[in-house]
Amino acid sequence: MEENKSVLIEFFGDYPLIRILDFLVENRGLDYSKTELCRSANTSWGSLFGLWEKLVRLGIVKETRRFGKTKLYKLNEKSAFVQKLMALELELIKFYAELDTEGKTKKTAIASALKA
């Protein structure tokens, strides 16, 4: 696994939705404006705009506070989806840690895991 990629991005791929989810999970408990979220998740405003309704509708993000016209959002840790996503991240961390201890390459181990 590359050092700079998180387990969610490594497993699911480097896509805007995955980068946003990954950033929110890694920084849970903190709130961000949409602009900060774009910058921090390395995602374009257009990508975030296209995904935002889905993130709100599924209860993945929630508004935490406002000042002026700025709204801040954070990960909704009470959401069943978010809880499962965080559990999946933990399982992926364990999976990749086992790969390291067994000396397997990521590509070989994932291919064999998918065949099982």
N, C-alpha and C. Protein backbone atom coordinates (compact mmCIF):
# COMPACT_ATOMS: atom_id res chain seq x y z
N MET A 1 0.85 -1.17 0.00
CA MET A 1 0.00 0.00 0.00
C MET A 1 0.89 1.23 0.00
N GLU A 2 0.56 2.21 -0.80
CA GLU A 2 1.33 3.44 -0.81
C GLU A 2 1.15 4.16 0.51
N GLU A 3 2.21 4.79 0.98
CA GLU A 3 2.20 5.46 2.28
C GLU A 3 1.20 6.61 2.36
N ASN A 4 0.99 7.32 1.27
CA ASN A 4 0.16 8.52 1.34
C ASN A 4 -1.32 8.26 1.09
N LYS A 5 -1.71 7.06 0.78
CA LYS A 5 -3.12 6.76 0.54
C LYS A 5 -3.73 6.11 1.77
N SER A 6 -4.94 6.53 2.09
CA SER A 6 -5.66 5.91 3.20
C SER A 6 -6.18 4.55 2.75
N VAL A 7 -6.62 3.76 3.71
CA VAL A 7 -7.12 2.43 3.36
C VAL A 7 -8.40 2.50 2.53
N LEU A 8 -9.26 3.48 2.79
CA LEU A 8 -10.48 3.60 2.00
C LEU A 8 -10.17 3.93 0.55
N ILE A 9 -9.24 4.86 0.34
CA ILE A 9 -8.86 5.23 -1.03
C ILE A 9 -8.12 4.08 -1.69
N GLU A 10 -7.26 3.42 -0.97
CA GLU A 10 -6.51 2.29 -1.53
C GLU A 10 -7.45 1.18 -1.98
N PHE A 11 -8.48 0.90 -1.18
CA PHE A 11 -9.38 -0.21 -1.47
C PHE A 11 -10.43 0.16 -2.53
N PHE A 12 -11.08 1.32 -2.37
CA PHE A 12 -12.20 1.68 -3.26
C PHE A 12 -11.78 2.49 -4.48
N GLY A 13 -10.59 3.07 -4.45
CA GLY A 13 -10.12 3.87 -5.57
C GLY A 13 -10.12 5.35 -5.24
N ASP A 14 -9.40 6.10 -6.02
CA ASP A 14 -9.22 7.52 -5.78
C ASP A 14 -10.26 8.31 -6.57
N TYR A 15 -11.46 8.42 -6.00
CA TYR A 15 -12.58 9.12 -6.61
C TYR A 15 -13.04 10.23 -5.67
N PRO A 16 -13.67 11.27 -6.18
CA PRO A 16 -14.09 12.37 -5.32
C PRO A 16 -14.95 11.93 -4.12
N LEU A 17 -15.92 11.07 -4.34
CA LEU A 17 -16.77 10.62 -3.23
C LEU A 17 -15.94 9.91 -2.16
N ILE A 18 -15.04 9.06 -2.57
CA ILE A 18 -14.21 8.32 -1.62
C ILE A 18 -13.28 9.28 -0.88
N ARG A 19 -12.71 10.26 -1.59
CA ARG A 19 -11.84 11.24 -0.92
C ARG A 19 -12.60 12.05 0.11
N ILE A 20 -13.85 12.43 -0.22
CA ILE A 20 -14.68 13.20 0.72
C ILE A 20 -15.01 12.34 1.94
N LEU A 21 -15.48 11.12 1.71
CA LEU A 21 -15.81 10.23 2.83
C LEU A 21 -14.58 9.96 3.69
N ASP A 22 -13.46 9.71 3.05
CA ASP A 22 -12.23 9.44 3.77
C ASP A 22 -11.84 10.63 4.64
N PHE A 23 -11.89 11.82 4.07
CA PHE A 23 -11.53 13.01 4.84
C PHE A 23 -12.46 13.19 6.04
N LEU A 24 -13.76 13.01 5.82
CA LEU A 24 -14.71 13.17 6.92
C LEU A 24 -14.50 12.14 8.02
N VAL A 25 -14.23 10.90 7.62
CA VAL A 25 -13.99 9.84 8.62
C VAL A 25 -12.70 10.13 9.39
N GLU A 26 -11.65 10.50 8.68
CA GLU A 26 -10.37 10.77 9.34
C GLU A 26 -10.43 11.98 10.25
N ASN A 27 -11.34 12.90 9.98
CA ASN A 27 -11.43 14.14 10.75
C ASN A 27 -12.77 14.27 11.45
N ARG A 28 -13.33 13.14 11.83
CA ARG A 28 -14.63 13.17 12.49
C ARG A 28 -14.52 13.98 13.78
N GLY A 29 -15.61 14.61 14.12
CA GLY A 29 -15.64 15.44 15.31
C GLY A 29 -15.34 16.90 15.00
N LEU A 30 -14.75 17.17 13.83
CA LEU A 30 -14.45 18.55 13.45
C LEU A 30 -15.43 18.97 12.36
N ASP A 31 -15.74 20.26 12.31
CA ASP A 31 -16.66 20.72 11.27
C ASP A 31 -15.95 21.62 10.28
N TYR A 32 -16.49 21.63 9.06
CA TYR A 32 -15.86 22.31 7.93
C TYR A 32 -16.91 22.97 7.06
N SER A 33 -16.52 24.06 6.42
CA SER A 33 -17.36 24.65 5.38
C SER A 33 -17.19 23.79 4.13
N LYS A 34 -18.05 23.98 3.17
CA LYS A 34 -17.93 23.23 1.92
C LYS A 34 -16.61 23.57 1.22
N THR A 35 -16.22 24.83 1.28
CA THR A 35 -14.96 25.25 0.65
C THR A 35 -13.77 24.56 1.31
N GLU A 36 -13.76 24.51 2.64
CA GLU A 36 -12.68 23.82 3.35
C GLU A 36 -12.67 22.34 3.03
N LEU A 37 -13.86 21.76 2.92
CA LEU A 37 -13.98 20.35 2.60
C LEU A 37 -13.41 20.06 1.21
N CYS A 38 -13.72 20.89 0.24
CA CYS A 38 -13.17 20.73 -1.12
C CYS A 38 -11.65 20.76 -1.08
N ARG A 39 -11.12 21.77 -0.44
CA ARG A 39 -9.67 21.95 -0.40
C ARG A 39 -9.01 20.78 0.33
N SER A 40 -9.54 20.42 1.47
CA SER A 40 -8.92 19.38 2.29
C SER A 40 -9.04 17.99 1.68
N ALA A 41 -10.14 17.73 0.99
CA ALA A 41 -10.35 16.42 0.37
C ALA A 41 -9.79 16.38 -1.05
N ASN A 42 -9.17 17.46 -1.47
CA ASN A 42 -8.57 17.55 -2.81
C ASN A 42 -9.60 17.20 -3.89
N THR A 43 -10.75 17.87 -3.78
CA THR A 43 -11.87 17.64 -4.68
C THR A 43 -12.33 18.97 -5.24
N SER A 44 -12.79 18.98 -6.46
CA SER A 44 -13.28 20.22 -7.06
C SER A 44 -14.63 20.61 -6.47
N TRP A 45 -14.92 21.90 -6.60
CA TRP A 45 -16.21 22.40 -6.12
C TRP A 45 -17.34 21.72 -6.89
N GLY A 46 -17.16 21.53 -8.18
CA GLY A 46 -18.19 20.88 -9.01
C GLY A 46 -18.48 19.45 -8.56
N SER A 47 -17.43 18.72 -8.20
CA SER A 47 -17.63 17.35 -7.72
C SER A 47 -18.39 17.35 -6.40
N LEU A 48 -17.99 18.22 -5.48
CA LEU A 48 -18.68 18.29 -4.19
C LEU A 48 -20.13 18.69 -4.39
N PHE A 49 -20.36 19.69 -5.24
CA PHE A 49 -21.71 20.16 -5.50
C PHE A 49 -22.59 19.02 -6.03
N GLY A 50 -22.03 18.21 -6.93
CA GLY A 50 -22.78 17.09 -7.50
C GLY A 50 -23.07 15.98 -6.50
N LEU A 51 -22.24 15.86 -5.48
CA LEU A 51 -22.40 14.79 -4.49
C LEU A 51 -23.12 15.25 -3.22
N TRP A 52 -23.20 16.55 -3.01
CA TRP A 52 -23.65 17.08 -1.73
C TRP A 52 -25.05 16.63 -1.35
N GLU A 53 -26.00 16.68 -2.29
CA GLU A 53 -27.37 16.28 -1.98
C GLU A 53 -27.43 14.83 -1.48
N LYS A 54 -26.64 13.96 -2.11
CA LYS A 54 -26.60 12.56 -1.70
C LYS A 54 -26.03 12.43 -0.28
N LEU A 55 -24.97 13.17 0.03
CA LEU A 55 -24.36 13.10 1.35
C LEU A 55 -25.34 13.56 2.44
N VAL A 56 -26.13 14.58 2.14
CA VAL A 56 -27.11 15.09 3.10
C VAL A 56 -28.29 14.13 3.19
N ARG A 57 -28.80 13.70 2.04
CA ARG A 57 -29.98 12.82 2.00
C ARG A 57 -29.72 11.50 2.74
N LEU A 58 -28.52 10.96 2.60
CA LEU A 58 -28.18 9.71 3.27
C LEU A 58 -27.78 9.91 4.73
N GLY A 59 -27.75 11.15 5.17
CA GLY A 59 -27.43 11.44 6.56
C GLY A 59 -25.95 11.28 6.89
N ILE A 60 -25.10 11.38 5.89
CA ILE A 60 -23.66 11.21 6.11
C ILE A 60 -23.06 12.46 6.72
N VAL A 61 -23.55 13.62 6.30
CA VAL A 61 -23.10 14.89 6.87
C VAL A 61 -24.28 15.59 7.53
N LYS A 62 -23.94 16.43 8.50
CA LYS A 62 -24.98 17.23 9.14
C LYS A 62 -24.42 18.62 9.40
N GLU A 63 -25.32 19.58 9.34
CA GLU A 63 -24.94 20.96 9.62
C GLU A 63 -24.73 21.09 11.13
N THR A 64 -23.64 21.74 11.49
CA THR A 64 -23.34 21.90 12.91
C THR A 64 -23.56 23.31 13.42
N ARG A 65 -23.21 24.30 12.61
CA ARG A 65 -23.37 25.69 13.03
C ARG A 65 -23.25 26.60 11.83
N ARG A 66 -23.59 27.87 12.08
CA ARG A 66 -23.51 28.91 11.06
C ARG A 66 -22.87 30.14 11.65
N PHE A 67 -22.13 30.84 10.82
CA PHE A 67 -21.79 32.21 11.15
C PHE A 67 -21.81 33.01 9.88
N GLY A 68 -22.67 34.04 9.91
CA GLY A 68 -22.94 34.78 8.69
C GLY A 68 -23.61 33.87 7.68
N LYS A 69 -23.11 33.90 6.47
CA LYS A 69 -23.65 33.03 5.41
C LYS A 69 -22.96 31.67 5.39
N THR A 70 -21.93 31.50 6.19
CA THR A 70 -21.15 30.27 6.17
C THR A 70 -21.80 29.20 7.04
N LYS A 71 -21.97 28.02 6.47
CA LYS A 71 -22.50 26.87 7.20
C LYS A 71 -21.35 25.88 7.37
N LEU A 72 -21.28 25.28 8.54
CA LEU A 72 -20.27 24.26 8.81
C LEU A 72 -20.94 22.90 8.95
N TYR A 73 -20.23 21.89 8.47
CA TYR A 73 -20.76 20.52 8.45
C TYR A 73 -19.72 19.57 9.02
N LYS A 74 -20.23 18.45 9.52
CA LYS A 74 -19.32 17.39 9.96
C LYS A 74 -19.97 16.04 9.71
N LEU A 75 -19.18 15.00 9.89
CA LEU A 75 -19.66 13.64 9.72
C LEU A 75 -20.72 13.34 10.76
N ASN A 76 -21.82 12.74 10.33
CA ASN A 76 -22.91 12.37 11.24
C ASN A 76 -22.62 10.97 11.79
N GLU A 77 -21.94 10.92 12.92
CA GLU A 77 -21.52 9.64 13.50
C GLU A 77 -22.68 8.80 14.03
N LYS A 78 -23.87 9.36 14.11
CA LYS A 78 -25.05 8.61 14.56
C LYS A 78 -25.70 7.85 13.40
N SER A 79 -25.31 8.16 12.19
CA SER A 79 -25.86 7.50 11.00
C SER A 79 -25.40 6.04 10.95
N ALA A 80 -26.34 5.14 10.67
CA ALA A 80 -26.00 3.72 10.55
C ALA A 80 -24.99 3.50 9.43
N PHE A 81 -25.14 4.23 8.32
CA PHE A 81 -24.21 4.11 7.21
C PHE A 81 -22.80 4.49 7.64
N VAL A 82 -22.69 5.61 8.34
CA VAL A 82 -21.38 6.10 8.78
C VAL A 82 -20.76 5.12 9.77
N GLN A 83 -21.54 4.57 10.66
CA GLN A 83 -21.01 3.60 11.62
C GLN A 83 -20.46 2.37 10.89
N LYS A 84 -21.16 1.93 9.86
CA LYS A 84 -20.68 0.78 9.08
C LYS A 84 -19.44 1.14 8.28
N LEU A 85 -19.40 2.36 7.77
CA LEU A 85 -18.22 2.82 7.03
C LEU A 85 -17.00 2.86 7.94
N MET A 86 -17.17 3.34 9.16
CA MET A 86 -16.05 3.40 10.11
C MET A 86 -15.62 1.98 10.52
N ALA A 87 -16.58 1.07 10.66
CA ALA A 87 -16.25 -0.33 10.97
C ALA A 87 -15.50 -0.97 9.80
N LEU A 88 -15.93 -0.66 8.58
CA LEU A 88 -15.24 -1.17 7.40
C LEU A 88 -13.82 -0.65 7.33
N GLU A 89 -13.64 0.63 7.64
CA GLU A 89 -12.29 1.19 7.63
C GLU A 89 -11.40 0.44 8.62
N LEU A 90 -11.92 0.14 9.79
CA LEU A 90 -11.15 -0.60 10.79
C LEU A 90 -10.79 -1.99 10.28
N GLU A 91 -11.72 -2.66 9.62
CA GLU A 91 -11.44 -3.98 9.05
C GLU A 91 -10.39 -3.90 7.95
N LEU A 92 -10.46 -2.86 7.14
CA LEU A 92 -9.45 -2.69 6.09
C LEU A 92 -8.07 -2.42 6.68
N ILE A 93 -8.02 -1.68 7.76
CA ILE A 93 -6.74 -1.43 8.43
C ILE A 93 -6.15 -2.76 8.91
N LYS A 94 -7.00 -3.59 9.50
CA LYS A 94 -6.54 -4.91 9.96
C LYS A 94 -6.07 -5.76 8.78
N PHE A 95 -6.84 -5.72 7.69
CA PHE A 95 -6.51 -6.50 6.49
C PHE A 95 -5.14 -6.10 5.95
N TYR A 96 -4.91 -4.80 5.80
CA TYR A 96 -3.63 -4.33 5.27
C TYR A 96 -2.49 -4.57 6.26
N ALA A 97 -2.77 -4.53 7.54
CA ALA A 97 -1.73 -4.83 8.53
C ALA A 97 -1.31 -6.29 8.43
N GLU A 98 -2.28 -7.18 8.21
CA GLU A 98 -1.96 -8.60 8.03
C GLU A 98 -1.13 -8.82 6.77
N LEU A 99 -1.43 -8.07 5.72
CA LEU A 99 -0.64 -8.17 4.49
C LEU A 99 0.82 -7.84 4.77
N ASP A 100 1.03 -6.77 5.52
CA ASP A 100 2.39 -6.36 5.84
C ASP A 100 3.12 -7.43 6.63
N THR A 101 2.44 -8.06 7.60
CA THR A 101 3.11 -9.06 8.42
C THR A 101 3.37 -10.35 7.65
N GLU A 102 2.53 -10.64 6.65
CA GLU A 102 2.72 -11.85 5.84
C GLU A 102 3.64 -11.60 4.66
N GLY A 103 3.98 -10.36 4.40
CA GLY A 103 4.88 -10.03 3.31
C GLY A 103 4.26 -10.15 1.94
N LYS A 104 2.94 -10.17 1.85
CA LYS A 104 2.26 -10.27 0.56
C LYS A 104 2.18 -8.91 -0.09
N THR A 105 2.10 -8.92 -1.40
CA THR A 105 1.85 -7.66 -2.09
C THR A 105 0.36 -7.38 -2.06
N LYS A 106 0.02 -6.14 -2.11
CA LYS A 106 -1.37 -5.73 -2.06
C LYS A 106 -2.17 -6.36 -3.21
N LYS A 107 -1.64 -6.30 -4.40
CA LYS A 107 -2.34 -6.79 -5.58
C LYS A 107 -2.64 -8.29 -5.47
N THR A 108 -1.66 -9.07 -5.06
CA THR A 108 -1.84 -10.52 -4.92
C THR A 108 -2.85 -10.84 -3.84
N ALA A 109 -2.76 -10.18 -2.70
CA ALA A 109 -3.64 -10.47 -1.58
C ALA A 109 -5.09 -10.09 -1.88
N ILE A 110 -5.31 -8.96 -2.52
CA ILE A 110 -6.68 -8.55 -2.86
C ILE A 110 -7.25 -9.51 -3.89
N ALA A 111 -6.48 -9.89 -4.88
CA ALA A 111 -6.96 -10.84 -5.90
C ALA A 111 -7.36 -12.16 -5.27
N SER A 112 -6.55 -12.67 -4.34
CA SER A 112 -6.89 -13.94 -3.70
C SER A 112 -8.08 -13.79 -2.76
N ALA A 113 -8.21 -12.65 -2.12
CA ALA A 113 -9.35 -12.42 -1.22
C ALA A 113 -10.65 -12.34 -2.02
N LEU A 114 -10.62 -11.76 -3.21
CA LEU A 114 -11.81 -11.64 -4.02
C LEU A 114 -12.22 -12.97 -4.62
N LYS A 115 -11.28 -13.90 -4.81
CA LYS A 115 -11.59 -15.22 -5.34
C LYS A 115 -12.25 -16.10 -4.29
N ALA A 116 -11.97 -15.84 -3.02
CA ALA A 116 -12.49 -16.69 -1.93
C ALA A 116 -13.96 -16.52 -1.74
